[in-house]
């Protein structure tokens, strides 16, 4: 493969500041790509869905593959609002969650459709949920966001990397900030990206 892979999204890819001198996702990916392959980082720590459009303004002219990991910060900010609200009935709480996720799903879907219009192979990720500090209720809430992400990815015909299955060990998360991938987690993510890029065009659509 002699293409140019560009990583878009948030700190799942832009994790260099969290690995204490270890290798970041982009470092691991560059080592895994075949001779002649290139990888660039446009993802930015803290980004949400709507921030990715700005990243596309700096897309290299020779880009051949796009890889997206986004949604974790959207879910994090939503949780900050939802979990600070006064306790309500189950039905009202679920309705509030549905409203938040519906808005996220629409923004996420519009971003994927925009990326597909660039007519380059697209790989998109779910949000991992094995973060050591994540509570059971937070994991349950995150599953609703991942449901929307998964549906959107398949709807637009992109290849999916399920980070819930890729980063399944506590050591995959950084000690500095446990919501970020460690060097070990970054290596596993990079491996999944490389596998996805090499298998584009095959019947397999989910990479774990």
C-alpha atoms as a PDB file:
ATOM      1  CA  UNK A   1       0.000   0.000   0.000  1.00  0.00           C
ATOM      2  CA  UNK A   2       1.431   3.393  -1.008  1.00  0.00           C
ATOM      3  CA  UNK A   3      -1.468   5.528   0.156  1.00  0.00           C
ATOM      4  CA  UNK A   4      -1.785   8.340   2.682  1.00  0.00           C
ATOM      5  CA  UNK A   5      -3.955   7.595   5.739  1.00  0.00           C
ATOM      6  CA  UNK A   6      -5.300  10.602   7.652  1.00  0.00           C
ATOM      7  CA  UNK A   7      -6.580  10.283  11.221  1.00  0.00           C
ATOM      8  CA  UNK A   8      -9.504  12.560  12.141  1.00  0.00           C
ATOM      9  CA  UNK A   9     -11.291  13.082  15.433  1.00  0.00           C
ATOM     10  CA  UNK A  10     -10.217  13.421  19.041  1.00  0.00           C
ATOM     11  CA  UNK A  11      -7.619  12.262  21.579  1.00  0.00           C
ATOM     12  CA  UNK A  12      -8.210   8.596  20.826  1.00  0.00           C
ATOM     13  CA  UNK A  13      -5.802   9.329  17.961  1.00  0.00           C
ATOM     14  CA  UNK A  14      -4.188  12.525  19.326  1.00  0.00           C
ATOM     15  CA  UNK A  15      -2.834  10.829  22.462  1.00  0.00           C
ATOM     16  CA  UNK A  16       0.880  11.724  22.437  1.00  0.00           C
ATOM     17  CA  UNK A  17       0.641  13.876  25.576  1.00  0.00           C
ATOM     18  CA  UNK A  18      -0.804  10.970  27.581  1.00  0.00           C
ATOM     19  CA  UNK A  19       1.747   8.222  26.952  1.00  0.00           C
ATOM     20  CA  UNK A  20       4.677   9.589  29.001  1.00  0.00           C
ATOM     21  CA  UNK A  21       7.253   9.368  26.251  1.00  0.00           C
ATOM     22  CA  UNK A  22       5.830   6.144  24.837  1.00  0.00           C
ATOM     23  CA  UNK A  23       4.620   5.741  21.295  1.00  0.00           C
ATOM     24  CA  UNK A  24       1.373   7.407  20.271  1.00  0.00           C
ATOM     25  CA  UNK A  25      -1.282   6.012  17.930  1.00  0.00           C
ATOM     26  CA  UNK A  26       0.166   7.833  14.919  1.00  0.00           C
ATOM     27  CA  UNK A  27       3.670   6.560  15.769  1.00  0.00           C
ATOM     28  CA  UNK A  28       2.446   2.961  15.979  1.00  0.00           C
ATOM     29  CA  UNK A  29       0.465   3.313  12.752  1.00  0.00           C
ATOM     30  CA  UNK A  30       3.410   4.670  10.782  1.00  0.00           C
ATOM     31  CA  UNK A  31       5.454   1.642  11.839  1.00  0.00           C
ATOM     32  CA  UNK A  32       2.679  -0.766  10.824  1.00  0.00           C
ATOM     33  CA  UNK A  33       1.915   0.569   7.368  1.00  0.00           C
ATOM     34  CA  UNK A  34       3.618  -1.207   4.452  1.00  0.00           C
ATOM     35  CA  UNK A  35       6.572   0.402   2.715  1.00  0.00           C
ATOM     36  CA  UNK A  36       5.480   3.514   0.857  1.00  0.00           C
ATOM     37  CA  UNK A  37       2.477   4.131   3.085  1.00  0.00           C
ATOM     38  CA  UNK A  38       2.085   7.446   4.910  1.00  0.00           C
ATOM     39  CA  UNK A  39      -0.037   8.526   7.887  1.00  0.00           C
ATOM     40  CA  UNK A  40      -0.916  12.032   9.078  1.00  0.00           C
ATOM     41  CA  UNK A  41      -2.637  13.208  12.237  1.00  0.00           C
ATOM     42  CA  UNK A  42      -5.375  15.804  11.992  1.00  0.00           C
ATOM     43  CA  UNK A  43      -7.321  14.639  15.064  1.00  0.00           C
ATOM     44  CA  UNK A  44      -7.247  17.085  17.987  1.00  0.00           C
ATOM     45  CA  UNK A  45      -7.534  16.330  21.697  1.00  0.00           C
ATOM     46  CA  UNK A  46     -10.931  17.484  22.994  1.00  0.00           C
ATOM     47  CA  UNK A  47     -12.676  17.554  19.613  1.00  0.00           C
ATOM     48  CA  UNK A  48     -16.394  16.891  19.190  1.00  0.00           C
ATOM     49  CA  UNK A  49     -18.284  15.937  16.031  1.00  0.00           C
ATOM     50  CA  UNK A  50     -18.699  19.502  14.798  1.00  0.00           C
ATOM     51  CA  UNK A  51     -14.949  20.204  15.167  1.00  0.00           C
ATOM     52  CA  UNK A  52     -13.953  17.639  12.540  1.00  0.00           C
ATOM     53  CA  UNK A  53     -14.978  19.956   9.696  1.00  0.00           C
ATOM     54  CA  UNK A  54     -12.155  22.290  10.726  1.00  0.00           C
ATOM     55  CA  UNK A  55      -9.718  19.374  10.601  1.00  0.00           C
ATOM     56  CA  UNK A  56     -10.787  18.687   7.018  1.00  0.00           C
ATOM     57  CA  UNK A  57      -9.596  22.156   6.035  1.00  0.00           C
ATOM     58  CA  UNK A  58      -6.039  20.838   6.546  1.00  0.00           C
ATOM     59  CA  UNK A  59      -6.515  17.580   4.655  1.00  0.00           C
ATOM     60  CA  UNK A  60      -3.372  16.706   2.647  1.00  0.00           C
ATOM     61  CA  UNK A  61      -3.886  16.833  -1.102  1.00  0.00           C
ATOM     62  CA  UNK A  62      -2.692  13.234  -1.533  1.00  0.00           C
ATOM     63  CA  UNK A  63      -5.014  11.731   1.099  1.00  0.00           C
ATOM     64  CA  UNK A  64      -6.226   8.272   0.092  1.00  0.00           C
ATOM     65  CA  UNK A  65      -7.898   6.935   3.275  1.00  0.00           C
ATOM     66  CA  UNK A  66      -9.809   8.610   6.106  1.00  0.00           C
ATOM     67  CA  UNK A  67     -10.051   7.166   9.626  1.00  0.00           C
ATOM     68  CA  UNK A  68     -12.413   8.766  12.132  1.00  0.00           C
ATOM     69  CA  UNK A  69     -12.712   8.369  15.897  1.00  0.00           C
ATOM     70  CA  UNK A  70     -15.215  10.824  17.377  1.00  0.00           C
ATOM     71  CA  UNK A  71     -18.067  10.882  19.856  1.00  0.00           C
ATOM     72  CA  UNK A  72     -16.386  10.320  23.197  1.00  0.00           C
ATOM     73  CA  UNK A  73     -16.267  13.998  24.101  1.00  0.00           C
ATOM     74  CA  UNK A  74     -19.835  14.501  22.888  1.00  0.00           C
ATOM     75  CA  UNK A  75     -20.905  11.701  25.243  1.00  0.00           C
ATOM     76  CA  UNK A  76     -18.755  13.104  28.057  1.00  0.00           C
ATOM     77  CA  UNK A  77     -20.279  16.578  27.804  1.00  0.00           C
ATOM     78  CA  UNK A  78     -23.780  15.098  27.585  1.00  0.00           C
ATOM     79  CA  UNK A  79     -23.141  13.036  30.717  1.00  0.00           C
ATOM     80  CA  UNK A  80     -22.027  16.185  32.512  1.00  0.00           C
ATOM     81  CA  UNK A  81     -25.442  17.668  31.824  1.00  0.00           C
ATOM     82  CA  UNK A  82     -27.566  14.581  32.311  1.00  0.00           C
ATOM     83  CA  UNK A  83     -26.010  13.361  35.560  1.00  0.00           C
ATOM     84  CA  UNK A  84     -26.275  16.765  37.230  1.00  0.00           C
ATOM     85  CA  UNK A  85     -29.997  17.118  36.587  1.00  0.00           C
ATOM     86  CA  UNK A  86     -32.470  16.530  39.392  1.00  0.00           C
ATOM     87  CA  UNK A  87     -33.668  12.935  39.703  1.00  0.00           C
ATOM     88  CA  UNK A  88     -36.705  12.286  37.515  1.00  0.00           C
ATOM     89  CA  UNK A  89     -38.937   9.378  36.665  1.00  0.00           C
ATOM     90  CA  UNK A  90     -37.402   6.648  34.525  1.00  0.00           C
ATOM     91  CA  UNK A  91     -39.562   7.571  31.547  1.00  0.00           C
ATOM     92  CA  UNK A  92     -38.626  11.273  31.715  1.00  0.00           C
ATOM     93  CA  UNK A  93     -34.940  10.427  32.145  1.00  0.00           C
ATOM     94  CA  UNK A  94     -34.937   8.133  29.126  1.00  0.00           C
ATOM     95  CA  UNK A  95     -36.752  10.758  27.073  1.00  0.00           C
ATOM     96  CA  UNK A  96     -34.056  13.298  27.970  1.00  0.00           C
ATOM     97  CA  UNK A  97     -31.330  10.818  26.973  1.00  0.00           C
ATOM     98  CA  UNK A  98     -33.164  10.126  23.703  1.00  0.00           C
ATOM     99  CA  UNK A  99     -33.260  13.832  22.873  1.00  0.00           C
ATOM    100  CA  UNK A 100     -29.525  14.235  23.476  1.00  0.00           C
ATOM    101  CA  UNK A 101     -28.596  11.112  21.507  1.00  0.00           C
ATOM    102  CA  UNK A 102     -30.918  11.988  18.620  1.00  0.00           C
ATOM    103  CA  UNK A 103     -29.128  15.330  18.226  1.00  0.00           C
ATOM    104  CA  UNK A 104     -25.731  13.635  18.400  1.00  0.00           C
ATOM    105  CA  UNK A 105     -26.797  10.938  15.916  1.00  0.00           C
ATOM    106  CA  UNK A 106     -27.877  13.549  13.385  1.00  0.00           C
ATOM    107  CA  UNK A 107     -24.615  15.502  13.690  1.00  0.00           C
ATOM    108  CA  UNK A 108     -22.571  12.294  13.469  1.00  0.00           C
ATOM    109  CA  UNK A 109     -24.528  11.077  10.435  1.00  0.00           C
ATOM    110  CA  UNK A 110     -24.101  14.414   8.656  1.00  0.00           C
ATOM    111  CA  UNK A 111     -20.339  14.265   9.284  1.00  0.00           C
ATOM    112  CA  UNK A 112     -20.073  10.738   7.886  1.00  0.00           C
ATOM    113  CA  UNK A 113     -22.070  11.709   4.802  1.00  0.00           C
ATOM    114  CA  UNK A 114     -19.779  14.706   4.317  1.00  0.00           C
ATOM    115  CA  UNK A 115     -16.728  12.448   4.557  1.00  0.00           C
ATOM    116  CA  UNK A 116     -18.219   9.976   2.080  1.00  0.00           C
ATOM    117  CA  UNK A 117     -18.649  12.811  -0.422  1.00  0.00           C
ATOM    118  CA  UNK A 118     -14.854  13.114  -0.479  1.00  0.00           C
ATOM    119  CA  UNK A 119     -14.910   9.739  -2.259  1.00  0.00           C
ATOM    120  CA  UNK A 120     -12.105   8.180  -0.250  1.00  0.00           C
ATOM    121  CA  UNK A 121     -12.264   4.887   1.684  1.00  0.00           C
ATOM    122  CA  UNK A 122     -13.652   5.649   5.130  1.00  0.00           C
ATOM    123  CA  UNK A 123     -13.015   3.829   8.416  1.00  0.00           C
ATOM    124  CA  UNK A 124     -14.896   4.953  11.536  1.00  0.00           C
ATOM    125  CA  UNK A 125     -14.645   3.889  15.164  1.00  0.00           C
ATOM    126  CA  UNK A 126     -17.027   3.307  18.032  1.00  0.00           C
ATOM    127  CA  UNK A 127     -16.211   4.763  21.475  1.00  0.00           C
ATOM    128  CA  UNK A 128     -14.442   2.376  23.822  1.00  0.00           C
ATOM    129  CA  UNK A 129     -16.165   1.620  27.126  1.00  0.00           C
ATOM    130  CA  UNK A 130     -13.696  -0.349  29.283  1.00  0.00           C
ATOM    131  CA  UNK A 131     -12.188   2.753  30.897  1.00  0.00           C
ATOM    132  CA  UNK A 132     -11.266   1.657  34.453  1.00  0.00           C
ATOM    133  CA  UNK A 133     -12.992   4.625  36.126  1.00  0.00           C
ATOM    134  CA  UNK A 134     -16.204   4.348  34.108  1.00  0.00           C
ATOM    135  CA  UNK A 135     -19.251   3.573  36.256  1.00  0.00           C
ATOM    136  CA  UNK A 136     -21.924   1.047  35.300  1.00  0.00           C
ATOM    137  CA  UNK A 137     -24.453   3.802  34.679  1.00  0.00           C
ATOM    138  CA  UNK A 138     -21.977   5.750  32.530  1.00  0.00           C
ATOM    139  CA  UNK A 139     -21.210   2.616  30.512  1.00  0.00           C
ATOM    140  CA  UNK A 140     -24.931   2.061  30.009  1.00  0.00           C
ATOM    141  CA  UNK A 141     -25.360   5.647  28.817  1.00  0.00           C
ATOM    142  CA  UNK A 142     -22.395   5.325  26.463  1.00  0.00           C
ATOM    143  CA  UNK A 143     -23.957   2.255  24.858  1.00  0.00           C
ATOM    144  CA  UNK A 144     -26.758   4.466  23.501  1.00  0.00           C
ATOM    145  CA  UNK A 145     -24.205   6.713  21.782  1.00  0.00           C
ATOM    146  CA  UNK A 146     -22.426   3.665  20.377  1.00  0.00           C
ATOM    147  CA  UNK A 147     -25.706   2.349  19.038  1.00  0.00           C
ATOM    148  CA  UNK A 148     -26.135   5.588  17.081  1.00  0.00           C
ATOM    149  CA  UNK A 149     -22.513   5.491  15.870  1.00  0.00           C
ATOM    150  CA  UNK A 150     -22.797   1.875  14.726  1.00  0.00           C
ATOM    151  CA  UNK A 151     -26.036   2.478  12.844  1.00  0.00           C
ATOM    152  CA  UNK A 152     -24.571   5.520  11.089  1.00  0.00           C
ATOM    153  CA  UNK A 153     -21.376   3.731  10.078  1.00  0.00           C
ATOM    154  CA  UNK A 154     -23.268   0.875   8.469  1.00  0.00           C
ATOM    155  CA  UNK A 155     -25.810   3.220   6.926  1.00  0.00           C
ATOM    156  CA  UNK A 156     -23.132   5.062   4.943  1.00  0.00           C
ATOM    157  CA  UNK A 157     -21.232   1.889   4.056  1.00  0.00           C
ATOM    158  CA  UNK A 158     -18.028   2.660   5.959  1.00  0.00           C
ATOM    159  CA  UNK A 159     -15.755   0.104   7.600  1.00  0.00           C
ATOM    160  CA  UNK A 160     -16.114   0.002  11.394  1.00  0.00           C
ATOM    161  CA  UNK A 161     -13.467  -0.483  14.075  1.00  0.00           C
ATOM    162  CA  UNK A 162     -15.149  -1.494  17.319  1.00  0.00           C
ATOM    163  CA  UNK A 163     -12.879   0.039  19.951  1.00  0.00           C
ATOM    164  CA  UNK A 164     -14.984  -1.582  22.679  1.00  0.00           C
ATOM    165  CA  UNK A 165     -13.407  -4.874  21.650  1.00  0.00           C
ATOM    166  CA  UNK A 166      -9.991  -3.504  20.716  1.00  0.00           C
ATOM    167  CA  UNK A 167      -9.233  -1.760  24.026  1.00  0.00           C
ATOM    168  CA  UNK A 168     -10.497  -4.378  26.448  1.00  0.00           C
ATOM    169  CA  UNK A 169      -7.709  -4.341  29.052  1.00  0.00           C
ATOM    170  CA  UNK A 170      -7.159  -1.808  31.850  1.00  0.00           C
ATOM    171  CA  UNK A 171      -3.563  -1.389  30.641  1.00  0.00           C
ATOM    172  CA  UNK A 172      -4.915  -0.037  27.338  1.00  0.00           C
ATOM    173  CA  UNK A 173      -5.720   3.222  29.149  1.00  0.00           C
ATOM    174  CA  UNK A 174      -3.234   5.929  30.142  1.00  0.00           C
ATOM    175  CA  UNK A 175      -2.245   6.384  33.768  1.00  0.00           C
ATOM    176  CA  UNK A 176      -2.045  10.164  33.291  1.00  0.00           C
ATOM    177  CA  UNK A 177      -5.658  10.323  32.096  1.00  0.00           C
ATOM    178  CA  UNK A 178      -7.568   7.026  32.097  1.00  0.00           C
ATOM    179  CA  UNK A 179      -9.984   8.139  29.376  1.00  0.00           C
ATOM    180  CA  UNK A 180      -7.084   8.267  26.884  1.00  0.00           C
ATOM    181  CA  UNK A 181      -5.320   5.295  25.274  1.00  0.00           C
ATOM    182  CA  UNK A 182      -1.959   4.243  26.698  1.00  0.00           C
ATOM    183  CA  UNK A 183       0.942   3.290  24.466  1.00  0.00           C
ATOM    184  CA  UNK A 184      -0.304  -0.315  24.641  1.00  0.00           C
ATOM    185  CA  UNK A 185      -3.836   0.776  23.755  1.00  0.00           C
ATOM    186  CA  UNK A 186      -2.479   2.970  20.976  1.00  0.00           C
ATOM    187  CA  UNK A 187      -0.576   0.037  19.496  1.00  0.00           C
ATOM    188  CA  UNK A 188      -3.784  -2.037  19.447  1.00  0.00           C
ATOM    189  CA  UNK A 189      -5.719   0.815  17.827  1.00  0.00           C
ATOM    190  CA  UNK A 190      -2.994   1.296  15.207  1.00  0.00           C
ATOM    191  CA  UNK A 191      -3.048  -2.431  14.443  1.00  0.00           C
ATOM    192  CA  UNK A 192      -6.827  -2.312  13.948  1.00  0.00           C
ATOM    193  CA  UNK A 193      -6.485   0.719  11.638  1.00  0.00           C
ATOM    194  CA  UNK A 194      -3.791  -0.968   9.555  1.00  0.00           C
ATOM    195  CA  UNK A 195      -5.892  -4.134   9.299  1.00  0.00           C
ATOM    196  CA  UNK A 196      -8.940  -2.095   8.278  1.00  0.00           C
ATOM    197  CA  UNK A 197      -7.047  -0.178   5.597  1.00  0.00           C
ATOM    198  CA  UNK A 198      -5.588  -3.359   4.121  1.00  0.00           C
ATOM    199  CA  UNK A 199      -8.959  -5.135   4.097  1.00  0.00           C
ATOM    200  CA  UNK A 200     -11.007  -2.355   2.498  1.00  0.00           C
ATOM    201  CA  UNK A 201     -12.821  -3.836  -0.464  1.00  0.00           C
ATOM    202  CA  UNK A 202     -13.154  -7.265   1.136  1.00  0.00           C
ATOM    203  CA  UNK A 203     -16.510  -8.551   2.471  1.00  0.00           C
ATOM    204  CA  UNK A 204     -15.390  -7.967   6.060  1.00  0.00           C
ATOM    205  CA  UNK A 205     -16.818  -4.721   7.420  1.00  0.00           C
ATOM    206  CA  UNK A 206     -16.047  -4.862  11.155  1.00  0.00           C
ATOM    207  CA  UNK A 207     -12.509  -4.816  12.538  1.00  0.00           C
ATOM    208  CA  UNK A 208     -11.792  -5.839  16.144  1.00  0.00           C
END
